[in-house]
Protein backbone atom coordinates (compact mmCIF):
# COMPACT_ATOMS: atom_id res chain seq x y z
CA PRO A 1 -27.67 26.51 -57.04
CA GLY A 2 -28.74 24.94 -53.11
CA GLY A 3 -32.11 26.48 -53.73
CA GLY A 4 -32.51 27.09 -50.13
CA GLY A 5 -35.00 29.97 -50.70
CA ALA A 6 -37.05 27.73 -52.62
CA SER A 7 -37.91 25.42 -50.16
CA ARG A 8 -41.26 24.49 -49.12
CA GLY A 9 -40.88 21.40 -47.31
CA GLY A 10 -42.28 20.03 -44.16
CA ALA A 11 -46.01 20.86 -45.10
CA PRO A 12 -48.26 19.24 -42.63
CA ALA A 13 -51.26 18.17 -45.95
CA VAL A 14 -50.79 17.97 -49.69
CA LYS A 15 -53.30 20.07 -50.87
CA PRO A 16 -55.10 19.63 -54.67
CA GLY A 17 -52.08 21.08 -56.94
CA ALA A 18 -49.84 20.90 -54.61
CA GLY A 19 -46.38 18.69 -56.16
CA VAL A 20 -43.37 17.13 -54.29
CA GLY A 21 -41.79 20.39 -53.39
CA ALA A 22 -45.25 21.12 -50.96
CA GLY A 23 -45.22 17.58 -49.51
CA ALA A 24 -42.57 14.67 -51.12
CA THR A 25 -43.12 12.07 -49.00
CA ASP A 26 -47.06 12.39 -48.83
CA LEU A 27 -47.20 12.57 -52.44
CA THR A 28 -44.78 9.62 -52.98
CA SER A 29 -45.31 7.07 -50.10
CA GLY A 30 -49.06 8.05 -49.44
CA GLU A 31 -52.44 6.59 -50.78
CA HIS A 32 -51.38 7.89 -54.40
CA ALA A 33 -47.99 5.93 -54.57
CA GLY A 34 -48.60 3.19 -56.46
CA THR A 35 -50.46 5.50 -59.16
CA PHE A 36 -47.99 7.93 -59.34
CA ALA A 37 -45.45 4.83 -59.65
CA GLU A 38 -47.63 2.91 -62.33
CA LEU A 39 -47.91 6.85 -64.26
CA ALA A 40 -43.83 7.05 -64.00
CA ARG A 41 -43.22 3.39 -65.43
CA LYS A 42 -45.77 4.34 -68.07
CA GLU A 43 -43.95 7.54 -69.15
CA ALA A 44 -40.33 5.55 -68.98
CA ASP A 45 -41.55 3.08 -71.28
CA LYS A 46 -42.01 5.27 -74.20
CA MET A 47 -39.43 7.29 -73.60
CA ALA A 48 -37.02 4.08 -73.88
CA ALA A 49 -38.66 3.21 -77.56
CA THR A 50 -36.74 6.43 -78.73
CA MET A 51 -33.49 5.77 -77.54
CA SER A 52 -32.19 2.70 -78.75
CA ASP A 53 -31.07 5.00 -81.86
CA LEU A 54 -30.05 7.91 -80.43
CA ARG A 55 -27.64 5.31 -77.90
CA LEU A 56 -26.18 3.95 -80.61
CA THR A 57 -25.57 7.43 -82.53
CA ALA A 58 -24.34 9.42 -79.23
CA ALA A 59 -21.59 5.96 -78.85
CA ALA A 60 -19.81 7.25 -81.72
CA ARG A 61 -19.91 10.75 -81.12
CA ASP A 62 -16.97 13.16 -79.41
CA VAL A 63 -19.12 15.71 -77.34
CA VAL A 64 -16.20 17.40 -77.01
CA ALA A 65 -14.51 17.71 -79.98
CA GLU A 66 -17.63 19.27 -81.31
CA LYS A 67 -17.31 21.99 -79.08
CA GLN A 68 -14.08 23.08 -80.26
CA ALA A 69 -15.81 24.85 -82.95
CA SER A 70 -15.56 28.02 -84.41
CA THR A 71 -16.58 31.56 -82.98
CA ALA A 72 -19.14 34.10 -84.67
CA ASN A 73 -16.66 36.10 -85.80
CA GLY A 74 -15.11 32.63 -87.72
CA GLY A 75 -12.20 32.65 -85.02
CA LEU A 76 -10.93 29.75 -82.68
CA GLU A 77 -13.09 29.32 -79.54
CA THR A 78 -9.76 28.36 -77.22
CA SER A 79 -12.32 27.79 -74.11
CA THR A 80 -15.11 25.23 -74.66
CA PHE A 81 -17.85 23.99 -72.25
CA THR A 82 -19.35 20.80 -72.79
CA VAL A 83 -22.39 19.76 -70.45
CA ALA A 84 -24.22 16.36 -69.71
CA ALA A 85 -26.35 15.01 -66.87
CA ARG A 86 -26.10 11.67 -65.23
CA VAL A 87 -28.39 9.65 -63.29
CA ARG A 88 -27.97 7.21 -60.87
CA PRO A 89 -29.75 3.88 -60.32
CA LEU A 90 -32.38 2.87 -57.52
CA SER A 91 -30.51 2.10 -54.81
CA ASP A 92 -31.54 -1.14 -52.59
CA VAL A 93 -33.12 0.42 -50.17
CA GLU A 94 -34.59 2.94 -52.25
CA ARG A 95 -36.68 -0.13 -53.88
CA GLN A 96 -37.34 -1.53 -50.47
CA ARG A 97 -39.50 1.01 -49.73
CA ASP A 98 -41.24 1.37 -53.28
CA GLY A 99 -39.66 4.28 -54.58
CA PHE A 100 -39.81 4.97 -58.45
CA ALA A 101 -37.72 7.03 -60.75
CA CYS A 102 -38.89 10.22 -61.56
CA VAL A 103 -36.12 11.14 -64.07
CA ALA A 104 -36.17 9.52 -68.09
CA ALA A 105 -34.22 10.06 -71.10
CA ALA A 106 -36.34 11.69 -73.54
CA GLY A 107 -34.44 11.40 -76.63
CA PRO A 108 -32.83 13.77 -79.13
CA GLY A 109 -33.03 17.49 -78.04
CA LYS A 110 -34.38 20.17 -80.21
CA VAL A 111 -31.25 21.17 -80.45
CA ARG A 112 -28.80 19.56 -83.32
CA ASN A 113 -26.54 17.16 -81.32
CA THR A 114 -28.17 17.29 -77.57
CA GLU A 115 -30.40 15.27 -75.88
CA GLU A 116 -33.05 15.67 -73.55
CA ALA A 117 -33.88 14.34 -69.66
CA THR A 118 -37.33 14.85 -68.25
CA VAL A 119 -38.14 15.16 -64.66
CA LEU A 120 -41.52 13.66 -63.79
CA THR A 121 -42.79 15.51 -60.49
CA PRO A 122 -45.55 13.75 -58.90
CA LYS A 123 -48.75 16.52 -59.08
CA LEU A 124 -52.07 16.16 -57.70
CA SER A 125 -54.33 18.24 -60.33
CA LEU A 126 -57.37 20.73 -58.62
CA ARG A 127 -59.80 17.79 -59.17
CA GLY A 128 -57.34 15.44 -56.46
CA THR A 129 -56.31 13.15 -59.58
CA PRO A 130 -52.50 12.14 -59.21
CA THR A 131 -50.40 13.69 -62.55
CA LEU A 132 -47.01 13.97 -63.36
CA ASP A 133 -45.61 17.67 -64.27
CA LYS A 134 -42.83 16.84 -67.14
CA THR A 135 -40.09 19.55 -66.89
CA SER A 136 -37.38 18.65 -69.79
CA PHE A 137 -33.84 20.15 -70.32
CA ALA A 138 -31.23 19.44 -73.23
CA PHE A 139 -27.43 18.88 -72.73
CA ASP A 140 -24.93 17.55 -74.82
CA ARG A 141 -25.12 14.09 -73.35
CA PHE A 142 -27.47 12.41 -71.15
CA PHE A 143 -26.66 9.23 -69.03
CA ASP A 144 -29.47 7.34 -67.72
CA ALA A 145 -29.20 4.87 -64.82
CA ASP A 146 -28.30 1.81 -67.18
CA ALA A 147 -24.85 4.21 -68.40
CA ASP A 148 -21.73 2.24 -66.12
CA ASP A 149 -18.60 4.48 -65.73
CA ASP A 150 -17.10 3.17 -68.72
CA ASP A 151 -20.10 4.81 -70.60
CA VAL A 152 -19.08 8.27 -69.13
CA TYR A 153 -15.61 7.82 -69.45
CA THR A 154 -15.74 7.16 -73.27
CA ALA A 155 -17.64 9.76 -74.22
CA LEU A 156 -16.56 12.57 -71.67
CA GLY A 157 -12.99 11.92 -69.68
CA ARG A 158 -10.64 10.04 -72.96
CA PRO A 159 -11.15 13.01 -74.75
CA LEU A 160 -9.93 15.03 -71.82
CA VAL A 161 -7.13 12.76 -71.70
CA HIS A 162 -5.88 12.58 -75.09
CA ARG A 163 -5.81 16.89 -74.74
CA ALA A 164 -3.79 16.96 -71.96
CA MET A 165 -1.78 14.47 -73.49
CA ALA A 166 -1.31 17.20 -76.16
CA GLY A 167 -0.56 19.94 -73.82
CA GLN A 168 -3.65 21.55 -73.49
CA VAL A 169 -5.99 21.98 -70.11
CA GLY A 170 -9.09 19.52 -69.43
CA VAL A 171 -11.51 19.80 -66.30
CA VAL A 172 -14.26 17.71 -65.32
CA PHE A 173 -16.30 18.27 -62.63
CA ALA A 174 -19.53 16.47 -61.27
CA TYR A 175 -22.34 19.05 -59.55
CA GLY A 176 -25.29 18.22 -57.59
CA GLN A 177 -27.27 16.81 -54.99
CA THR A 178 -25.28 15.32 -52.26
CA GLY A 179 -26.02 11.94 -52.69
CA SER A 180 -26.62 11.95 -56.21
CA GLY A 181 -23.24 9.97 -56.98
CA LYS A 182 -20.87 12.93 -57.77
CA THR A 183 -17.96 11.21 -56.16
CA HIS A 184 -18.91 7.73 -57.14
CA THR A 185 -18.38 9.25 -61.16
CA MET A 186 -15.67 11.74 -60.24
CA GLY A 187 -13.65 8.37 -58.83
CA GLY A 188 -14.31 5.94 -61.73
CA LEU A 189 -12.89 8.68 -64.26
CA LEU A 190 -9.81 9.07 -62.16
CA ARG A 191 -9.22 5.73 -61.76
CA ARG A 192 -9.85 5.08 -65.67
CA VAL A 193 -7.58 8.05 -66.34
CA ALA A 194 -5.12 6.21 -64.70
CA SER A 195 -5.23 3.00 -66.57
CA ASP A 196 -5.68 5.13 -70.06
CA LEU A 197 -2.45 7.47 -69.53
CA TYR A 198 -0.09 4.32 -69.39
CA GLY A 199 -1.94 2.20 -72.06
CA GLY A 200 -3.84 -0.13 -69.35
CA GLY A 201 -0.38 -1.59 -67.87
CA GLY A 202 1.36 0.92 -66.43
CA GLY A 203 4.48 0.60 -68.93
CA ALA A 204 3.41 3.15 -71.71
CA ARG A 205 5.70 6.21 -71.22
CA ARG A 206 3.76 9.31 -71.53
CA GLY A 207 6.06 12.13 -70.56
CA ARG A 208 6.44 12.87 -67.13
CA VAL A 209 3.07 12.31 -65.17
CA SER A 210 2.40 13.49 -61.40
CA PHE A 211 -0.37 13.63 -59.19
CA SER A 212 -1.59 16.85 -56.65
CA TYR A 213 -5.36 16.51 -54.58
CA PHE A 214 -6.41 19.27 -52.66
CA GLU A 215 -9.91 19.94 -50.81
CA VAL A 216 -11.64 22.97 -50.37
CA LEU A 217 -13.79 23.59 -47.13
CA GLY A 218 -15.03 27.17 -47.42
CA ASN A 219 -11.81 29.29 -48.02
CA VAL A 220 -9.16 26.69 -46.92
CA CYS A 221 -7.68 24.60 -48.88
CA ALA A 222 -5.84 21.51 -47.31
CA ASP A 223 -3.19 19.10 -49.26
CA CYS A 224 -4.77 15.61 -49.21
CA LEU A 225 -1.58 14.06 -49.92
CA ALA A 226 0.58 15.63 -47.41
CA ALA A 227 0.86 14.69 -44.02
CA PRO A 228 -1.21 16.94 -41.39
CA ILE A 229 0.55 19.28 -39.70
CA LYS A 230 -1.41 20.85 -36.76
CA GLY A 231 -1.34 25.09 -37.20
CA GLY A 232 0.67 24.55 -39.95
CA PRO A 233 0.20 27.01 -43.59
CA GLY A 234 -2.87 25.45 -46.06
CA VAL A 235 -2.24 25.54 -49.45
CA VAL A 236 -2.06 29.09 -51.27
CA ILE A 237 -3.60 29.85 -54.49
CA GLY A 238 -3.19 32.72 -55.87
CA GLU A 239 -1.74 34.51 -58.88
CA GLY A 240 1.80 35.76 -60.37
CA MET A 241 2.99 39.16 -61.93
CA ASP A 242 2.38 37.47 -64.73
CA GLY A 243 -0.95 36.65 -64.17
CA SER A 244 -0.06 32.78 -63.63
CA VAL A 245 -1.47 30.96 -61.13
CA ILE A 246 0.92 30.47 -58.23
CA THR A 247 -0.55 27.46 -55.79
CA ARG A 248 2.10 27.09 -52.68
CA ASN A 249 2.18 24.29 -50.32
CA LEU A 250 0.67 21.78 -52.40
CA SER A 251 2.86 18.44 -52.75
CA GLU A 252 3.21 16.93 -56.04
CA HIS A 253 4.01 13.18 -56.86
CA PRO A 254 5.57 11.66 -59.61
CA ALA A 255 3.25 8.80 -61.02
CA PRO A 256 5.58 6.69 -62.97
CA ASP A 257 2.73 4.01 -63.32
CA ALA A 258 -0.89 3.03 -63.45
CA ALA A 259 0.03 1.31 -59.68
CA THR A 260 1.21 4.34 -58.10
CA LEU A 261 -1.18 6.67 -59.29
CA LEU A 262 -3.76 4.83 -58.55
CA SER A 263 -2.40 4.30 -54.99
CA LEU A 264 -2.54 8.25 -54.96
CA ILE A 265 -5.95 8.50 -55.51
CA GLN A 266 -6.65 6.25 -53.42
CA VAL A 267 -4.69 7.86 -50.54
CA ALA A 268 -6.45 11.25 -51.72
CA GLN A 269 -9.60 10.18 -51.62
CA SER A 270 -9.90 8.42 -48.25
CA ARG A 271 -8.84 11.74 -46.66
CA ARG A 272 -11.60 14.17 -47.81
CA SER A 273 -13.78 15.89 -45.46
CA THR A 274 -16.94 14.04 -45.34
CA ALA A 275 -19.98 14.33 -42.51
CA PRO A 276 -23.73 13.14 -42.43
CA THR A 277 -26.44 15.07 -43.45
CA GLU A 278 -30.40 14.09 -43.75
CA ARG A 279 -29.75 13.13 -47.50
CA ASN A 280 -26.26 11.11 -46.86
CA ALA A 281 -24.48 9.54 -44.04
CA THR A 282 -20.93 9.72 -46.09
CA SER A 283 -21.33 13.38 -47.86
CA SER A 284 -18.23 15.20 -49.26
CA ARG A 285 -18.30 18.85 -47.58
CA SER A 286 -15.59 19.91 -49.67
CA HIS A 287 -14.55 20.33 -52.92
CA GLY A 288 -12.20 17.95 -54.18
CA VAL A 289 -9.21 18.66 -56.23
CA GLY A 290 -7.09 16.20 -58.76
CA ILE A 291 -4.47 18.26 -60.53
CA ILE A 292 -2.94 15.72 -62.83
CA THR A 293 -0.01 17.07 -65.03
CA ILE A 294 1.40 15.15 -67.98
CA GLY A 295 5.13 16.17 -69.46
CA SER A 296 5.39 15.60 -73.18
CA SER A 297 8.26 13.43 -73.06
CA LEU A 298 10.50 15.53 -75.89
CA THR A 299 13.55 14.72 -73.87
CA ALA A 300 14.74 11.59 -72.51
CA ASP A 301 15.08 12.14 -68.79
CA ASP A 302 16.10 15.50 -68.34
CA GLU A 303 12.60 17.13 -69.10
CA GLU A 304 12.76 19.56 -65.93
CA GLU A 305 16.36 21.51 -67.36
CA ASP A 306 14.18 22.17 -70.88
CA VAL A 307 13.45 25.16 -69.92
CA TYR A 308 11.74 25.90 -73.43
CA GLY A 309 9.97 22.72 -74.00
CA PRO A 310 6.45 22.84 -74.34
CA ARG A 311 3.60 23.29 -71.21
CA PRO A 312 2.68 20.36 -69.79
CA GLY A 313 -0.73 19.29 -70.07
CA VAL A 314 -3.00 19.26 -66.94
CA LEU A 315 -6.10 17.67 -66.56
CA TYR A 316 -8.42 18.69 -63.63
CA VAL A 317 -11.09 16.54 -62.03
CA ILE A 318 -12.99 18.00 -59.55
CA ASP A 319 -15.84 16.37 -57.44
CA LEU A 320 -17.97 19.13 -56.29
CA ALA A 321 -19.16 19.26 -52.47
CA GLY A 322 -23.01 18.31 -52.55
CA SER A 323 -25.72 21.61 -53.00
CA GLU A 324 -27.95 21.25 -50.56
CA ARG A 325 -31.82 22.96 -49.98
CA SER A 326 -32.85 25.00 -46.47
CA ALA A 327 -34.97 21.97 -46.46
CA ASP A 328 -32.44 19.20 -46.19
CA SER A 329 -30.08 21.18 -44.16
CA ALA A 330 -32.67 22.60 -41.26
CA ASN A 331 -31.55 20.14 -38.90
CA HIS A 332 -27.45 20.98 -38.87
CA SER A 333 -25.10 23.22 -36.48
CA LYS A 334 -24.29 26.40 -36.68
CA GLU A 335 -20.95 24.88 -38.24
CA ARG A 336 -22.70 22.88 -40.72
CA MET A 337 -24.13 25.73 -41.92
CA ASP A 338 -21.52 27.66 -42.41
CA GLU A 339 -20.41 25.19 -44.97
CA THR A 340 -23.19 24.95 -46.94
CA LYS A 341 -23.63 28.59 -47.24
CA ALA A 342 -19.62 28.61 -48.15
CA VAL A 343 -20.59 25.63 -50.87
CA ASN A 344 -23.55 27.29 -52.25
CA LEU A 345 -22.00 30.48 -52.66
CA SER A 346 -18.58 28.62 -54.89
CA LEU A 347 -21.33 26.93 -56.98
CA MET A 348 -22.56 30.31 -57.45
CA SER A 349 -19.82 31.88 -58.65
CA LEU A 350 -18.49 29.14 -60.94
CA LYS A 351 -21.79 29.68 -62.83
CA GLU A 352 -21.65 32.89 -62.97
CA CYS A 353 -17.67 32.77 -64.85
CA ILE A 354 -18.51 29.75 -67.32
CA ARG A 355 -21.65 32.10 -68.22
CA ALA A 356 -19.49 35.16 -68.12
CA ARG A 357 -16.34 33.55 -70.06
CA THR A 358 -18.85 31.97 -73.31
CA LEU A 359 -20.50 35.63 -73.17
CA ALA A 360 -17.17 37.08 -73.59
CA ALA A 361 -15.99 35.67 -76.77
CA LYS A 362 -19.78 36.75 -78.00
CA PRO A 363 -19.66 40.17 -80.06
CA PRO A 364 -20.85 43.04 -78.90
CA PRO A 365 -24.83 44.00 -78.57
CA PRO A 366 -26.56 45.79 -80.49
CA GLY A 367 -26.00 49.68 -79.57
CA GLY A 368 -22.98 48.39 -76.78
CA ALA A 369 -19.70 50.17 -76.45
CA PRO A 370 -16.89 48.80 -78.71
CA ASN A 371 -15.87 45.62 -77.44
CA ALA A 372 -17.42 45.89 -74.28
CA ARG A 373 -16.98 42.28 -72.39
CA PRO A 374 -18.74 41.02 -69.48
CA HIS A 375 -16.47 40.80 -66.49
CA VAL A 376 -15.29 37.30 -65.17
CA PRO A 377 -15.27 36.85 -61.76
CA TYR A 378 -12.66 33.93 -61.26
CA ARG A 379 -11.24 35.65 -58.44
CA ARG A 380 -13.99 35.33 -56.19
CA SER A 381 -13.61 32.11 -54.92
CA LYS A 382 -10.16 29.33 -54.79
CA LEU A 383 -11.70 26.96 -57.23
CA THR A 384 -12.10 29.58 -59.90
CA MET A 385 -8.86 30.91 -59.38
CA LEU A 386 -7.47 27.81 -59.96
CA MET A 387 -9.31 26.93 -63.03
CA LYS A 388 -8.29 30.75 -64.29
CA ASP A 389 -6.69 29.31 -67.84
CA VAL A 390 -10.44 28.35 -68.37
CA PHE A 391 -11.86 31.68 -67.59
CA ASP A 392 -9.05 34.11 -69.43
CA ILE A 393 -10.15 35.04 -72.72
CA GLU A 394 -6.12 36.01 -72.98
CA CYS A 395 -5.40 32.46 -72.15
CA THR A 396 -2.30 31.00 -74.57
CA ARG A 397 -3.74 27.30 -75.25
CA MET A 398 -6.89 25.96 -75.49
CA CYS A 399 -8.99 24.07 -72.29
CA SER A 400 -11.94 21.92 -72.71
CA THR A 401 -14.26 21.99 -69.60
CA VAL A 402 -16.81 19.23 -68.65
CA VAL A 403 -20.04 19.56 -66.63
CA VAL A 404 -21.35 16.60 -65.35
CA ALA A 405 -25.11 17.32 -63.34
CA CYS A 406 -25.75 14.49 -61.32
CA VAL A 407 -28.80 13.89 -60.34
CA SER A 408 -30.76 11.33 -57.96
CA PRO A 409 -33.76 8.87 -59.41
CA VAL A 410 -36.10 8.83 -56.84
CA ALA A 411 -39.26 11.56 -57.03
CA ARG A 412 -39.06 12.39 -53.78
CA ASP A 413 -35.83 14.14 -54.49
CA ALA A 414 -37.59 15.66 -58.17
CA ALA A 415 -37.32 19.72 -56.95
CA HIS A 416 -33.43 18.81 -56.10
CA THR A 417 -33.59 17.28 -59.41
CA VAL A 418 -35.09 19.96 -61.46
CA ASN A 419 -33.06 22.57 -59.13
CA THR A 420 -29.82 20.78 -60.17
CA LEU A 421 -30.77 20.56 -64.50
CA GLN A 422 -31.98 24.38 -63.85
CA TYR A 423 -28.56 24.89 -62.92
CA ALA A 424 -26.44 23.00 -65.57
CA ALA A 425 -28.63 23.20 -68.41
CA PRO A 426 -28.32 27.12 -69.18
CA LEU A 427 -24.26 26.67 -69.37
CA ARG A 428 -24.77 24.48 -72.78
CA VAL A 429 -27.33 27.08 -73.86
CA ALA A 430 -24.38 29.74 -73.02
CA ALA A 431 -22.27 27.77 -75.20
CA GLY A 432 -24.05 27.23 -78.16
CA LYS A 433 -25.89 30.98 -78.75
CA LYS A 434 -24.41 32.70 -81.27
CA GLY A 435 -24.11 36.80 -81.25
CA ALA A 436 -27.02 38.56 -81.57
CA GLY A 437 -25.72 40.55 -84.68
CA GLY A 438 -25.12 36.89 -86.47
CA ASN A 439 -21.57 36.50 -88.45
CA LEU A 440 -19.01 39.38 -87.92
CA PRO A 441 -17.02 40.88 -90.53
CA VAL A 442 -13.39 38.94 -91.27
CA ASP A 443 -10.80 39.49 -89.38
CA PRO A 444 -7.98 40.23 -91.90
CA LYS A 445 -5.34 39.53 -89.31
CA ASP A 446 -6.93 36.56 -87.61
CA PRO A 447 -4.28 33.55 -88.07
CA VAL A 448 -7.28 31.12 -88.22
CA LEU A 449 -7.72 32.51 -91.42
CA TRP A 450 -4.33 32.48 -93.26
CA SER A 451 -4.11 30.01 -96.64
CA HIS A 452 -1.67 27.48 -95.99
CA GLU A 453 1.18 29.83 -98.57
CA VAL A 454 0.47 32.40 -95.61
CA ALA A 455 0.89 30.37 -92.96
CA ARG A 456 4.42 28.75 -94.43
CA ASP A 457 5.62 31.77 -94.86
CA TRP A 458 5.04 34.04 -91.95
CA LEU A 459 6.10 30.69 -90.31
CA ALA A 460 9.49 31.29 -92.22
CA GLN A 461 9.88 34.87 -90.99
CA GLN A 462 9.08 34.10 -87.58
CA ALA A 463 11.98 31.42 -87.35
CA ALA A 464 14.57 33.54 -88.76
CA ALA A 465 13.83 36.29 -86.68
CA ALA A 466 14.17 34.46 -83.71
CA GLY A 467 17.00 32.11 -84.71
CA GLY A 468 19.31 34.42 -87.30
CA LYS A 469 21.53 32.54 -89.08
CA TYR A 470 21.50 28.83 -86.81
CA ALA A 471 18.47 28.97 -89.18
CA ALA A 472 19.11 29.53 -92.04
CA ALA A 473 18.63 26.01 -93.61
CA PHE A 474 15.12 26.39 -92.10
CA ASP A 475 12.17 24.46 -93.82
CA ALA A 476 8.75 26.16 -92.53
CA GLU A 477 7.36 23.68 -95.64
CA ALA A 478 8.42 20.85 -93.28
CA VAL A 479 6.96 22.00 -90.39
CA VAL A 480 3.22 22.69 -91.94
CA PRO A 481 3.01 20.35 -95.07
CA ARG A 482 -0.28 21.40 -96.60
CA LEU A 483 -1.60 23.11 -93.09
CA THR A 484 -3.90 26.13 -93.13
CA GLY A 485 -3.83 29.04 -90.96
CA ARG A 486 -7.20 27.04 -88.62
CA GLU A 487 -4.83 23.37 -88.71
CA LEU A 488 -1.32 25.25 -87.67
CA CYS A 489 -3.62 27.14 -84.93
CA THR A 490 -4.51 23.79 -83.30
CA LEU A 491 -1.70 21.80 -83.84
CA PRO A 492 -0.58 20.75 -80.25
CA GLU A 493 2.45 22.45 -78.62
CA PRO A 494 4.74 19.53 -77.90
CA GLU A 495 4.01 18.58 -81.68
CA PHE A 496 4.66 21.76 -83.08
CA HIS A 497 8.14 21.93 -80.96
CA ARG A 498 8.89 18.56 -82.28
CA ARG A 499 8.72 19.41 -85.69
CA VAL A 500 10.74 22.84 -84.70
CA ARG A 501 13.32 20.56 -83.33
CA ALA A 502 13.26 17.92 -85.20
CA GLN A 503 15.30 20.48 -87.92
CA LEU A 504 16.95 22.43 -84.78
CA PRO A 505 18.45 20.60 -82.51
CA GLY A 506 19.56 21.42 -79.45
CA PRO A 507 18.82 24.56 -76.95
CA MET A 508 18.69 26.69 -79.12
CA GLY A 509 16.41 24.98 -82.08
CA ALA A 510 13.93 24.45 -77.95
CA SER A 511 14.53 28.56 -77.90
CA VAL A 512 12.87 29.30 -81.59
CA ALA A 513 9.91 27.01 -80.98
CA SER A 514 9.12 28.65 -78.01
CA LYS A 515 9.41 32.04 -79.81
CA VAL A 516 7.76 31.37 -83.01
CA TYR A 517 4.51 29.39 -80.91
CA GLY A 518 4.65 32.55 -77.98
CA ALA A 519 3.77 34.66 -81.49
CA LEU A 520 1.35 32.63 -83.03
CA TRP A 521 -0.68 32.21 -79.97
CA ALA A 522 -0.14 36.34 -79.57
CA LEU A 523 -2.00 36.63 -82.56
CA ILE A 524 -4.99 34.28 -81.71
CA VAL A 525 -5.35 36.01 -78.83
CA ASP A 526 -4.89 39.53 -80.55
CA ALA A 527 -7.64 38.26 -82.70
CA LYS A 528 -10.03 37.44 -79.85
CA THR A 529 -9.75 40.65 -78.17
CA ARG A 530 -9.75 42.83 -81.58
CA ARG A 531 -11.67 46.02 -80.70
CA ARG A 532 -15.03 46.11 -83.00
CA ARG A 533 -17.97 48.66 -83.36
CA PRO A 534 -21.21 47.85 -81.87
CA ASP A 535 -22.28 46.71 -85.70
CA GLY A 536 -19.55 44.01 -85.34
CA SER A 537 -16.94 46.10 -87.91
CA ILE A 538 -13.69 45.86 -86.74
CA LEU A 539 -11.78 49.33 -85.49
CA THR A 540 -8.84 50.14 -88.00
CA ASP A 541 -5.59 51.01 -86.21
CA GLU A 542 -6.14 54.56 -86.31
CA GLU A 543 -9.44 54.53 -84.78
CA GLU A 544 -7.66 52.44 -82.16
CA ALA A 545 -5.05 55.45 -81.66
CA GLN A 546 -8.07 58.32 -81.72
CA GLU A 547 -9.62 56.15 -79.14
CA VAL A 548 -6.90 56.39 -76.60
CA ARG A 549 -5.80 60.01 -77.79
CA GLN A 550 -9.72 60.73 -76.69
CA ALA A 551 -9.38 58.84 -73.54
CA GLU A 552 -6.15 60.43 -72.25
CA GLU A 553 -7.02 63.65 -72.92
CA ALA A 554 -10.73 62.75 -71.06
CA LEU A 555 -8.51 61.56 -68.47
CA ALA A 556 -6.60 64.71 -68.16
CA ALA A 557 -9.28 66.95 -68.36
CA ARG A 558 -10.66 65.53 -64.89
CA ALA A 559 -7.28 65.61 -63.34
CA THR A 560 -7.41 69.18 -64.38
CA LEU A 561 -10.55 69.54 -62.96
CA TRP A 562 -10.04 67.89 -59.65
CA ALA A 563 -6.88 69.98 -59.40
CA GLU A 564 -8.65 72.90 -59.91
CA ARG A 565 -11.57 72.12 -56.85
CA ASP A 566 -8.72 70.81 -54.75
CA LYS A 567 -7.15 74.80 -54.90
CA ALA A 568 -10.62 75.77 -54.48
CA MET A 569 -11.62 73.83 -51.48
CA THR A 570 -8.03 75.26 -50.18
CA ARG A 571 -9.19 78.72 -50.43
CA GLY A 572 -12.57 77.99 -48.87
CA GLY A 573 -14.25 78.67 -51.74
CA PHE A 574 -16.40 75.09 -51.69
């Protein structure tokens, strides 16, 4: 992700046909600087003419909701990825140095509901004529230098907050070159989350809200809201026996109002590890992870005792450490080089997990083994382990992830800007592709496809089984009035509990709601992991049982073969 192997900076002279990667300073500040700046301004003006209508259309879009769509087999996609890009404005210092912007919005993309960003890389033709090499990338949203933090939050942050308040998992993280505006963007999002959660005045109750913040520096995790203890244990992230993610030694702080949450955010950010680099005097050398947990407020003041209550929603706001090319880190110490290596490795693991997760929801390729899904290596790094819910196809709640690629506008950073956008843009493509086989045969067991009548009858049967005589008067129609299977499956967990417990109050009603909701999601997960043949058709129960028997027989045959070999070796026959 850092592009270390692609760097060719430091060439003493610029030859015809060379671009920024082979002498950025010479091209952008030498004799052709004025020509390149004028070419870039003309290109930006042409592109700006197509952007006014696009901005009006984009303002009305919910790009996160657009990704909450069906998979190729008509089922429910439970984990979605929205990919955006943002270019920061030129700084005063960059303007004084006659720096010019080389990143511009190119208008709507060729694919529906996408926007294109174009990087204008200064280059000399074979005849020595200054030209601009155009490279375009498609994103779900692109924010140019005129967009402010409110624009970014409205489009990307607020939808995630609303989902977290509904008991879902929301993740937003910024990726990019050091000095590209990642920390500024994520800090702006966090501050606006604090205002939005409490209705702007800090008084609106949204259930119990708590905040944690830690940083990941290499393989070490440190709590940024706890008093540092020399030699003390760091934050530990692992898996429980039931597959759930467990964090130890991480403090969790109540945030009853906006002022308290803002204060905690300020303290946490001030304790981030920073160090000077070639590009940024205060570069964040760690991944900063903010975790906002939002309870459902189904009970008045004893939410912790509501053992059968809905799970709290979670919002992760992650400021990734800045990526660097080898040219930018050539003068670093060994310690700083090791940090850069660890950062780049973790960024690559994150990319692999996102791509593998989106591919895991697709049908097997033609001629492939039934249900041959790619492995999602989320255990490879601390950061991806923490985000297991996002990457686990068997996760039992909705997850929405937003990737924000932050880039520098200056021409001398064009090579790194292209590298950043090349990292991020394919994540959107992977999320939007359909399987090679097109639409798959419908799975009759998928609850998403139920009619209202089927959904109502299933709910009544499950409530009776879970509640017995206590649920004798349970009215399933009141819980799912005219709702289809898809609407039932997407009903937020707190709302589902609220409707069931309105009829069945007390701990018993909470238990019934918890068991029925769990049974519903078991069916959703089963439908997503249903075994299929290479042509997409579904294996019957008998065929699955036969496959299991064949696998057991093959395993037994191998065990017998190895036992015979062991005996032969003991007798000296080998």
